[in-house]
Amino acid sequence: MEFPLTFITYEKRVIKMKYIKHIIFTLFICFSSTGFSAIVVSSTAISSTNNSHADDETLKILFIGNSFTGRSYLPTVLQEIAKSNGKKIVIKAEIQNGTSLYQHWEKGIAQQKISAEKWHYVILQDNSASAFEHPEKTIKYGVLFSKLATQQGAKPLLYNTWAYKGIPTWIENKQYADIREEFKIFVPNMYQKTNALYQNIADKSESSVVPVAQVWKVMNEINSSVALHAVDQSHPSPTGTYLTAVVFYKAVFNEVPKVLPAKLQTQRNQQKMTELITININETLSQQILTAVNSVSYKILGY
């Protein structure tokens, strides 16, 4: 089941309209032989620019990160959306829960993977609270990873993560009271500090920021009832991972997807790759996702 979002009509009757501006029109089409249903949306509601990559080009993407990338397994969700839009894409990842970029660097596996193949993009994600815990290390190793990716001919993209919904339960379990209190002071300023941190890396290297946090903020303003955060108030919910995948789709293809799968399967997390979950996106949510993604400017190198 998928949502094609280009303006196509399969109805027998002809719909004539004089003006179509900034309005999303939807209808469901059902083919009994295939069980396919779709939402058709006016193309005037979708802002996109020319694709920077040839339609027959296979994009190769490497993710480096932790559970914010691994939860609902973002690489699989991005890959499924790309396939639904006829894009050729190969995605690999080096993901370890609770691992910062400096820890990835110390282990050395991520560098080996960057150097082992020719990537179009290397996506870098540090700990969500890195702006609080170790901003200097994030900048240092973000720049090192970015420079290594650039040397290998890839475009480094910085996965700008979102602010927590509130004070996560795991912060309350911090051993020392002073750390808990410092965290509680940090969280209300987390959005601005994290954005500034990733922009600092971009300014010091040939990397670009993928504005996931900014799109999440807009999405919350559009529909505050959508649960983008998991129950721990920090990690992404399946819907949050879906929205993030659409953000990355636009970043790597320089356009919003014309098709959004209404239902897709992905791994629960990187530690249980055989355990699948299903993400469902309805008509209204698909429109809201596109509105949020289109409302934020992207400044990706080469576009």
Foldseek 3Di string as FASTA:
>chain_A
DKAQEEADDDDPDDDDDDDDALDWAWDWDADVVVRDIYIYTYPNNFDFDAWPDDQPDEAEEEEEEEFLCFALNLVVLLVVLCVVQSHHYHYYYDYYHPDALLNCVVVPPVLCVLQVDQHQEYEHEGDLCCLPVPLPSNLVSLLVVQVSNVVSVYAYEYEQDAAFPAQFPVLVVDPDPVSSVSVNVCRVVSHVSSVVSVVSSVVNHVHWYQPLHQLVVQLCVVPVPDQQPDPRRGHGDNVVSNLSSQSVNCQNGRTGRSMGGQKDKGANGPVGRVHIDMDGDDDVRVSSSSVSSVVDDTDGPPD
